[in-house]
Full PDB file with SEQRES, HELIX, SHEET, SSBOND, CRYST1, ORIGX, SCALE, CONECT and MASTER records, all heavy atoms in Angstrom:
SEQRES   1 A   33  ASP LEU GLY LYS PRO GLU ALA ALA PRO VAL ALA LEU ASP          
SEQRES   2 A   33  PHE GLY ILE LYS ALA SER ASP PRO VAL PHE GLY ALA ASP          
SEQRES   3 A   33  GLY GLN LEU TYR PHE LEU SER                                  
SHEET    1 AA1 2 SER A  19  PHE A  23  0                                        
SHEET    2 AA1 2 LEU A  29  LEU A  32 -1                                        
CRYST1    1.000    1.000    1.000  90.00  90.00  90.00 P 1           1          
ORIGX1      1.000000  0.000000  0.000000        0.00000                         
ORIGX2      0.000000  1.000000  0.000000        0.00000                         
ORIGX3      0.000000  0.000000  1.000000        0.00000                         
SCALE1      1.000000  0.000000  0.000000        0.00000                         
SCALE2      0.000000  1.000000  0.000000        0.00000                         
SCALE3      0.000000  0.000000  1.000000        0.00000                         
ATOM      1  N   ASP A   1     131.083  87.499  89.678  1.00  0.00           N  
ATOM      2  CA  ASP A   1     132.531  87.274  89.471  1.00  0.00           C  
ATOM      3  C   ASP A   1     133.167  88.602  89.127  1.00  0.00           C  
ATOM      4  O   ASP A   1     132.985  89.128  88.043  1.00  0.00           O  
ATOM      5  CB  ASP A   1     132.691  86.269  88.338  1.00  0.00           C  
ATOM      6  CG  ASP A   1     134.156  85.833  88.136  1.00  0.00           C  
ATOM      7  OD1 ASP A   1     135.055  86.543  88.680  1.00  0.00           O  
ATOM      8  OD2 ASP A   1     134.375  84.834  87.480  1.00  0.00           O  
ATOM      9  N   LEU A   2     133.971  89.149  90.084  1.00  0.00           N  
ATOM     10  CA  LEU A   2     134.559  90.479  89.849  1.00  0.00           C  
ATOM     11  C   LEU A   2     135.685  90.394  88.832  1.00  0.00           C  
ATOM     12  O   LEU A   2     136.133  91.444  88.318  1.00  0.00           O  
ATOM     13  CB  LEU A   2     135.101  91.011  91.153  1.00  0.00           C  
ATOM     14  CG  LEU A   2     134.026  91.278  92.268  1.00  0.00           C  
ATOM     15  CD1 LEU A   2     134.688  91.830  93.500  1.00  0.00           C  
ATOM     16  CD2 LEU A   2     132.952  92.225  91.719  1.00  0.00           C  
ATOM     17  N   GLY A   3     136.159  89.214  88.533  1.00  0.00           N  
ATOM     18  CA  GLY A   3     137.143  89.089  87.441  1.00  0.00           C  
ATOM     19  C   GLY A   3     136.508  89.149  86.080  1.00  0.00           C  
ATOM     20  O   GLY A   3     137.207  89.292  85.062  1.00  0.00           O  
ATOM     21  N   LYS A   4     135.183  89.001  86.023  1.00  0.00           N  
ATOM     22  CA  LYS A   4     134.413  89.113  84.767  1.00  0.00           C  
ATOM     23  C   LYS A   4     133.251  90.060  84.979  1.00  0.00           C  
ATOM     24  O   LYS A   4     132.120  89.596  85.080  1.00  0.00           O  
ATOM     25  CB  LYS A   4     133.944  87.701  84.334  1.00  0.00           C  
ATOM     26  CG  LYS A   4     135.066  86.704  84.147  1.00  0.00           C  
ATOM     27  CD  LYS A   4     134.483  85.327  83.823  1.00  0.00           C  
ATOM     28  CE  LYS A   4     135.597  84.279  83.636  1.00  0.00           C  
ATOM     29  NZ  LYS A   4     135.006  82.918  83.393  1.00  0.00           N  
ATOM     30  N   PRO A   5     133.546  91.350  85.117  1.00  0.00           N  
ATOM     31  CA  PRO A   5     132.483  92.335  85.473  1.00  0.00           C  
ATOM     32  C   PRO A   5     131.303  92.304  84.542  1.00  0.00           C  
ATOM     33  O   PRO A   5     130.155  92.630  84.943  1.00  0.00           O  
ATOM     34  CB  PRO A   5     133.194  93.647  85.436  1.00  0.00           C  
ATOM     35  CG  PRO A   5     134.655  93.347  85.610  1.00  0.00           C  
ATOM     36  CD  PRO A   5     134.833  92.008  84.918  1.00  0.00           C  
ATOM     37  N   GLU A   6     131.489  91.905  83.265  1.00  0.00           N  
ATOM     38  CA  GLU A   6     130.388  91.932  82.317  1.00  0.00           C  
ATOM     39  C   GLU A   6     129.521  90.671  82.447  1.00  0.00           C  
ATOM     40  O   GLU A   6     128.431  90.609  81.802  1.00  0.00           O  
ATOM     41  CB  GLU A   6     130.922  92.037  80.852  1.00  0.00           C  
ATOM     42  CG  GLU A   6     131.811  93.257  80.627  1.00  0.00           C  
ATOM     43  CD  GLU A   6     131.093  94.554  80.869  1.00  0.00           C  
ATOM     44  OE1 GLU A   6     129.852  94.598  80.651  1.00  0.00           O  
ATOM     45  OE2 GLU A   6     131.699  95.545  81.309  1.00  0.00           O  
ATOM     46  N   ALA A   7     129.986  89.647  83.186  1.00  0.00           N  
ATOM     47  CA  ALA A   7     129.224  88.418  83.309  1.00  0.00           C  
ATOM     48  C   ALA A   7     127.924  88.665  84.109  1.00  0.00           C  
ATOM     49  O   ALA A   7     127.914  89.503  84.993  1.00  0.00           O  
ATOM     50  CB  ALA A   7     130.085  87.345  83.948  1.00  0.00           C  
ATOM     51  N   ALA A   8     126.946  87.846  83.863  1.00  0.00           N  
ATOM     52  CA  ALA A   8     125.715  87.943  84.625  1.00  0.00           C  
ATOM     53  C   ALA A   8     125.861  87.363  85.986  1.00  0.00           C  
ATOM     54  O   ALA A   8     126.566  86.329  86.177  1.00  0.00           O  
ATOM     55  CB  ALA A   8     124.568  87.191  83.852  1.00  0.00           C  
ATOM     56  N   PRO A   9     125.282  87.936  87.015  1.00  0.00           N  
ATOM     57  CA  PRO A   9     125.378  87.345  88.352  1.00  0.00           C  
ATOM     58  C   PRO A   9     124.578  86.098  88.423  1.00  0.00           C  
ATOM     59  O   PRO A   9     123.679  85.862  87.610  1.00  0.00           O  
ATOM     60  CB  PRO A   9     124.796  88.457  89.249  1.00  0.00           C  
ATOM     61  CG  PRO A   9     123.890  89.200  88.370  1.00  0.00           C  
ATOM     62  CD  PRO A   9     124.534  89.195  86.997  1.00  0.00           C  
ATOM     63  N   VAL A  10     124.873  85.285  89.392  1.00  0.00           N  
ATOM     64  CA  VAL A  10     124.236  83.996  89.562  1.00  0.00           C  
ATOM     65  C   VAL A  10     123.433  84.013  90.860  1.00  0.00           C  
ATOM     66  O   VAL A  10     123.989  84.344  91.939  1.00  0.00           O  
ATOM     67  CB  VAL A  10     125.275  82.843  89.608  1.00  0.00           C  
ATOM     68  CG1 VAL A  10     124.567  81.512  89.895  1.00  0.00           C  
ATOM     69  CG2 VAL A  10     126.007  82.796  88.284  1.00  0.00           C  
ATOM     70  N   ALA A  11     122.143  83.617  90.818  1.00  0.00           N  
ATOM     71  CA  ALA A  11     121.335  83.589  92.022  1.00  0.00           C  
ATOM     72  C   ALA A  11     121.763  82.427  92.881  1.00  0.00           C  
ATOM     73  O   ALA A  11     122.174  81.382  92.425  1.00  0.00           O  
ATOM     74  CB  ALA A  11     119.871  83.427  91.647  1.00  0.00           C  
ATOM     75  N   LEU A  12     121.762  82.684  94.230  1.00  0.00           N  
ATOM     76  CA  LEU A  12     122.195  81.660  95.186  1.00  0.00           C  
ATOM     77  C   LEU A  12     120.993  81.059  95.877  1.00  0.00           C  
ATOM     78  O   LEU A  12     120.125  81.785  96.421  1.00  0.00           O  
ATOM     79  CB  LEU A  12     123.135  82.306  96.229  1.00  0.00           C  
ATOM     80  CG  LEU A  12     124.431  82.927  95.693  1.00  0.00           C  
ATOM     81  CD1 LEU A  12     125.145  83.607  96.810  1.00  0.00           C  
ATOM     82  CD2 LEU A  12     125.286  81.840  95.103  1.00  0.00           C  
ATOM     83  N   ASP A  13     120.910  79.758  95.865  1.00  0.00           N  
ATOM     84  CA  ASP A  13     119.796  79.037  96.538  1.00  0.00           C  
ATOM     85  C   ASP A  13     120.423  78.343  97.749  1.00  0.00           C  
ATOM     86  O   ASP A  13     121.089  77.271  97.631  1.00  0.00           O  
ATOM     87  CB  ASP A  13     119.140  78.077  95.594  1.00  0.00           C  
ATOM     88  CG  ASP A  13     117.996  77.346  96.247  1.00  0.00           C  
ATOM     89  OD1 ASP A  13     117.668  77.666  97.416  1.00  0.00           O  
ATOM     90  OD2 ASP A  13     117.408  76.460  95.613  1.00  0.00           O  
ATOM     91  N   PHE A  14     120.180  78.890  98.943  1.00  0.00           N  
ATOM     92  CA  PHE A  14     120.736  78.290 100.177  1.00  0.00           C  
ATOM     93  C   PHE A  14     119.877  77.164 100.700  1.00  0.00           C  
ATOM     94  O   PHE A  14     120.248  76.431 101.598  1.00  0.00           O  
ATOM     95  CB  PHE A  14     120.897  79.354 101.275  1.00  0.00           C  
ATOM     96  CG  PHE A  14     121.771  80.489 100.874  1.00  0.00           C  
ATOM     97  CD1 PHE A  14     121.360  81.787 100.865  1.00  0.00           C  
ATOM     98  CD2 PHE A  14     123.117  80.265 100.478  1.00  0.00           C  
ATOM     99  CE1 PHE A  14     122.128  82.856 100.449  1.00  0.00           C  
ATOM    100  CE2 PHE A  14     123.906  81.330 100.081  1.00  0.00           C  
ATOM    101  CZ  PHE A  14     123.456  82.612 100.090  1.00  0.00           C  
ATOM    102  N   GLY A  15     118.628  77.081 100.202  1.00  0.00           N  
ATOM    103  CA  GLY A  15     117.696  76.091 100.745  1.00  0.00           C  
ATOM    104  C   GLY A  15     116.924  76.571 101.935  1.00  0.00           C  
ATOM    105  O   GLY A  15     115.895  75.997 102.305  1.00  0.00           O  
ATOM    106  N   ILE A  16     117.453  77.627 102.584  1.00  0.00           N  
ATOM    107  CA  ILE A  16     116.751  78.239 103.732  1.00  0.00           C  
ATOM    108  C   ILE A  16     116.843  79.751 103.610  1.00  0.00           C  
ATOM    109  O   ILE A  16     117.794  80.238 102.918  1.00  0.00           O  
ATOM    110  CB  ILE A  16     117.334  77.784 105.060  1.00  0.00           C  
ATOM    111  CG1 ILE A  16     118.816  78.027 105.137  1.00  0.00           C  
ATOM    112  CG2 ILE A  16     117.007  76.329 105.404  1.00  0.00           C  
ATOM    113  CD1 ILE A  16     119.470  77.725 106.477  1.00  0.00           C  
ATOM    114  N   LYS A  17     115.961  80.490 104.188  1.00  0.00           N  
ATOM    115  CA  LYS A  17     115.994  81.933 104.146  1.00  0.00           C  
ATOM    116  C   LYS A  17     117.257  82.429 104.846  1.00  0.00           C  
ATOM    117  O   LYS A  17     117.623  81.929 105.882  1.00  0.00           O  
ATOM    118  CB  LYS A  17     114.744  82.535 104.813  1.00  0.00           C  
ATOM    119  CG  LYS A  17     114.584  84.020 104.710  1.00  0.00           C  
ATOM    120  CD  LYS A  17     113.272  84.450 105.301  1.00  0.00           C  
ATOM    121  CE  LYS A  17     113.127  85.957 105.204  1.00  0.00           C  
ATOM    122  NZ  LYS A  17     111.787  86.391 105.856  1.00  0.00           N  
ATOM    123  N   ALA A  18     117.933  83.405 104.246  1.00  0.00           N  
ATOM    124  CA  ALA A  18     119.210  83.872 104.756  1.00  0.00           C  
ATOM    125  C   ALA A  18     119.273  85.399 104.890  1.00  0.00           C  
ATOM    126  O   ALA A  18     118.499  86.102 104.236  1.00  0.00           O  
ATOM    127  CB  ALA A  18     120.363  83.400 103.829  1.00  0.00           C  
ATOM    128  N   SER A  19     120.202  85.862 105.716  1.00  0.00           N  
ATOM    129  CA  SER A  19     120.474  87.291 105.795  1.00  0.00           C  
ATOM    130  C   SER A  19     121.899  87.508 106.270  1.00  0.00           C  
ATOM    131  O   SER A  19     122.586  86.579 106.728  1.00  0.00           O  
ATOM    132  CB  SER A  19     119.529  87.960 106.812  1.00  0.00           C  
ATOM    133  OG  SER A  19     119.776  87.549 108.168  1.00  0.00           O  
ATOM    134  N   ASP A  20     122.384  88.693 106.075  1.00  0.00           N  
ATOM    135  CA  ASP A  20     123.714  89.143 106.590  1.00  0.00           C  
ATOM    136  C   ASP A  20     124.858  88.239 106.109  1.00  0.00           C  
ATOM    137  O   ASP A  20     125.708  87.812 106.929  1.00  0.00           O  
ATOM    138  CB  ASP A  20     123.711  89.225 108.139  1.00  0.00           C  
ATOM    139  CG  ASP A  20     122.646  90.070 108.675  1.00  0.00           C  
ATOM    140  OD1 ASP A  20     122.907  91.331 108.701  1.00  0.00           O  
ATOM    141  OD2 ASP A  20     121.543  89.614 109.009  1.00  0.00           O  
ATOM    142  N   PRO A  21     124.963  87.954 104.863  1.00  0.00           N  
ATOM    143  CA  PRO A  21     126.083  87.053 104.364  1.00  0.00           C  
ATOM    144  C   PRO A  21     127.390  87.754 104.416  1.00  0.00           C  
ATOM    145  O   PRO A  21     127.531  88.943 104.074  1.00  0.00           O  
ATOM    146  CB  PRO A  21     125.636  86.690 102.939  1.00  0.00           C  
ATOM    147  CG  PRO A  21     124.824  87.914 102.491  1.00  0.00           C  
ATOM    148  CD  PRO A  21     124.111  88.356 103.717  1.00  0.00           C  
ATOM    149  N   VAL A  22     128.460  87.004 104.786  1.00  0.00           N  
ATOM    150  CA  VAL A  22     129.829  87.448 104.730  1.00  0.00           C  
ATOM    151  C   VAL A  22     130.719  86.288 104.373  1.00  0.00           C  
ATOM    152  O   VAL A  22     130.417  85.110 104.698  1.00  0.00           O  
ATOM    153  CB  VAL A  22     130.326  88.133 106.059  1.00  0.00           C  
ATOM    154  CG1 VAL A  22     129.577  89.377 106.388  1.00  0.00           C  
ATOM    155  CG2 VAL A  22     130.282  87.142 107.174  1.00  0.00           C  
ATOM    156  N   PHE A  23     131.848  86.569 103.741  1.00  0.00           N  
ATOM    157  CA  PHE A  23     132.831  85.537 103.435  1.00  0.00           C  
ATOM    158  C   PHE A  23     133.763  85.306 104.618  1.00  0.00           C  
ATOM    159  O   PHE A  23     134.165  86.247 105.290  1.00  0.00           O  
ATOM    160  CB  PHE A  23     133.661  85.897 102.227  1.00  0.00           C  
ATOM    161  CG  PHE A  23     132.964  85.732 100.916  1.00  0.00           C  
ATOM    162  CD1 PHE A  23     132.301  86.789 100.296  1.00  0.00           C  
ATOM    163  CD2 PHE A  23     132.980  84.438 100.263  1.00  0.00           C  
ATOM    164  CE1 PHE A  23     131.648  86.607  99.095  1.00  0.00           C  
ATOM    165  CE2 PHE A  23     132.304  84.305  99.069  1.00  0.00           C  
ATOM    166  CZ  PHE A  23     131.679  85.380  98.467  1.00  0.00           C  
ATOM    167  N   GLY A  24     134.079  84.027 104.855  1.00  0.00           N  
ATOM    168  CA  GLY A  24     135.075  83.700 105.835  1.00  0.00           C  
ATOM    169  C   GLY A  24     136.438  83.488 105.234  1.00  0.00           C  
ATOM    170  O   GLY A  24     136.586  83.489 103.994  1.00  0.00           O  
ATOM    171  N   ALA A  25     137.445  83.335 106.093  1.00  0.00           N  
ATOM    172  CA  ALA A  25     138.784  83.125 105.573  1.00  0.00           C  
ATOM    173  C   ALA A  25     138.940  81.834 104.821  1.00  0.00           C  
ATOM    174  O   ALA A  25     139.832  81.682 103.960  1.00  0.00           O  
ATOM    175  CB  ALA A  25     139.772  83.120 106.770  1.00  0.00           C  
ATOM    176  N   ASP A  26     137.998  80.927 105.014  1.00  0.00           N  
ATOM    177  CA  ASP A  26     138.008  79.625 104.322  1.00  0.00           C  
ATOM    178  C   ASP A  26     137.335  79.723 102.924  1.00  0.00           C  
ATOM    179  O   ASP A  26     137.211  78.746 102.213  1.00  0.00           O  
ATOM    180  CB  ASP A  26     137.319  78.521 105.146  1.00  0.00           C  
ATOM    181  CG  ASP A  26     135.889  78.889 105.532  1.00  0.00           C  
ATOM    182  OD1 ASP A  26     135.395  79.924 105.104  1.00  0.00           O  
ATOM    183  OD2 ASP A  26     135.289  78.150 106.307  1.00  0.00           O  
ATOM    184  N   GLY A  27     136.886  80.930 102.577  1.00  0.00           N  
ATOM    185  CA  GLY A  27     136.237  81.124 101.289  1.00  0.00           C  
ATOM    186  C   GLY A  27     134.766  80.818 101.262  1.00  0.00           C  
ATOM    187  O   GLY A  27     134.060  81.007 100.268  1.00  0.00           O  
ATOM    188  N   GLN A  28     134.257  80.209 102.369  1.00  0.00           N  
ATOM    189  CA  GLN A  28     132.858  79.870 102.410  1.00  0.00           C  
ATOM    190  C   GLN A  28     132.038  81.123 102.818  1.00  0.00           C  
ATOM    191  O   GLN A  28     132.567  82.098 103.332  1.00  0.00           O  
ATOM    192  CB  GLN A  28     132.611  78.720 103.401  1.00  0.00           C  
ATOM    193  CG  GLN A  28     133.254  77.426 102.993  1.00  0.00           C  
ATOM    194  CD  GLN A  28     132.585  76.214 103.595  1.00  0.00           C  
ATOM    195  OE1 GLN A  28     131.372  76.143 103.613  1.00  0.00           O  
ATOM    196  NE2 GLN A  28     133.407  75.247 104.018  1.00  0.00           N  
ATOM    197  N   LEU A  29     130.733  81.045 102.550  1.00  0.00           N  
ATOM    198  CA  LEU A  29     129.819  82.193 102.870  1.00  0.00           C  
ATOM    199  C   LEU A  29     129.096  81.837 104.152  1.00  0.00           C  
ATOM    200  O   LEU A  29     128.473  80.762 104.233  1.00  0.00           O  
ATOM    201  CB  LEU A  29     128.850  82.386 101.723  1.00  0.00           C  
ATOM    202  CG  LEU A  29     128.048  83.654 101.762  1.00  0.00           C  
ATOM    203  CD1 LEU A  29     128.990  84.844 101.411  1.00  0.00           C  
ATOM    204  CD2 LEU A  29     126.894  83.616 100.763  1.00  0.00           C  
ATOM    205  N   TYR A  30     129.172  82.715 105.092  1.00  0.00           N  
ATOM    206  CA  TYR A  30     128.519  82.579 106.387  1.00  0.00           C  
ATOM    207  C   TYR A  30     127.288  83.500 106.414  1.00  0.00           C  
ATOM    208  O   TYR A  30     127.354  84.592 105.865  1.00  0.00           O  
ATOM    209  CB  TYR A  30     129.455  82.944 107.515  1.00  0.00           C  
ATOM    210  CG  TYR A  30     130.613  82.019 107.732  1.00  0.00           C  
ATOM    211  CD1 TYR A  30     131.635  81.875 106.752  1.00  0.00           C  
ATOM    212  CD2 TYR A  30     130.714  81.223 108.875  1.00  0.00           C  
ATOM    213  CE1 TYR A  30     132.696  81.007 106.950  1.00  0.00           C  
ATOM    214  CE2 TYR A  30     131.751  80.328 109.044  1.00  0.00           C  
ATOM    215  CZ  TYR A  30     132.767  80.248 108.127  1.00  0.00           C  
ATOM    216  OH  TYR A  30     133.772  79.369 108.311  1.00  0.00           O  
ATOM    217  N   PHE A  31     126.225  83.070 107.057  1.00  0.00           N  
ATOM    218  CA  PHE A  31     125.020  83.914 107.053  1.00  0.00           C  
ATOM    219  C   PHE A  31     124.153  83.562 108.270  1.00  0.00           C  
ATOM    220  O   PHE A  31     124.337  82.500 108.920  1.00  0.00           O  
ATOM    221  CB  PHE A  31     124.226  83.761 105.751  1.00  0.00           C  
ATOM    222  CG  PHE A  31     123.739  82.330 105.454  1.00  0.00           C  
ATOM    223  CD1 PHE A  31     122.520  81.873 105.908  1.00  0.00           C  
ATOM    224  CD2 PHE A  31     124.529  81.486 104.718  1.00  0.00           C  
ATOM    225  CE1 PHE A  31     122.066  80.595 105.641  1.00  0.00           C  
ATOM    226  CE2 PHE A  31     124.092  80.173 104.433  1.00  0.00           C  
ATOM    227  CZ  PHE A  31     122.883  79.727 104.912  1.00  0.00           C  
ATOM    228  N   LEU A  32     123.178  84.437 108.525  1.00  0.00           N  
ATOM    229  CA  LEU A  32     122.203  84.196 109.632  1.00  0.00           C  
ATOM    230  C   LEU A  32     120.951  83.582 109.019  1.00  0.00           C  
ATOM    231  O   LEU A  32     120.513  83.956 107.877  1.00  0.00           O  
ATOM    232  CB  LEU A  32     121.839  85.514 110.290  1.00  0.00           C  
ATOM    233  CG  LEU A  32     122.779  86.075 111.357  1.00  0.00           C  
ATOM    234  CD1 LEU A  32     122.197  87.389 111.889  1.00  0.00           C  
ATOM    235  CD2 LEU A  32     122.968  85.096 112.524  1.00  0.00           C  
ATOM    236  N   SER A  33     120.296  82.743 109.737  1.00  0.00           N  
ATOM    237  CA  SER A  33     118.969  82.240 109.378  1.00  0.00           C  
ATOM    238  C   SER A  33     118.231  81.725 110.599  1.00  0.00           C  
ATOM    239  O   SER A  33     118.822  81.094 111.434  1.00  0.00           O  
ATOM    240  CB  SER A  33     119.064  81.145 108.368  1.00  0.00           C  
ATOM    241  OG  SER A  33     117.768  80.723 107.979  1.00  0.00           O  
TER     242      SER A  33                                                      
MASTER        0    0    0    0    2    0    0    6  241    1    0    3          
END                                                                             
């Protein structure tokens, strides 16, 4: 959370192995797997 730089990051569990993540205009995260 860039609005709270001191906060700890949160691990993301996609349920499948992922690579090359990017945000879309819809706010969702797109990735390859």
